Amino acid sequence: MGWRAPRQWWVWFGGLFALVALQACVSTPEWEPIAPSEFHFVPIVPPKGPGPGGWKVARLLITLARQEGHTFKPVICRVQVEVPEFNFRGPVTDEYAQSCAATASDQAAERVLRQSFLSAELCKRYHLEMERLLRELVPGARVKDFADYPGAPQPR
């Protein structure tokens, strides 16, 4: 004889449906990776001779989505990324700085969004984590909130 469904098939079907529904309700933070081209570095301090020196900066407004219950609340972080023009490894090209900044930004967002921070704390933790990751790739790099000043590059 062939296979027969149990008499309480609805119990099996109901259990399967409950598992699928439960999985659909559990969500993880989702984000789109930031493109390296979003980091537009502008020189602000020219290098003074050979060796490490000079600085360039990129400013961005990055939106992180913090989960509150079943909804996501956007948190806008002002981010200023500063990298040296030259460090002990040699010149830091714009393309390299852009690539490293995008990688550090994505990884920092992934790590920080997994934790439950209040909105005010979220950007602060994001800055700290991004700086830690970026310094591994570009020694001397800094990440912080920015304050406007005359002649400052405009955020993108």
Foldseek 3Di string as FASTA:
>chain_A
DDDDQDPPNVVVVVVVVVVVVVVVQDDAFDDDQDALVLFDWDWDADADDDAWATKIKGWAWDWAWADDRRGTDTATAIKMKMATCAHRVGGQDSSNLSVLLSVLLVVLSNVLNRDDDDSVVSNVSSQVSSQVSSCVSGPPMHMDHDDDDPPDDDYD
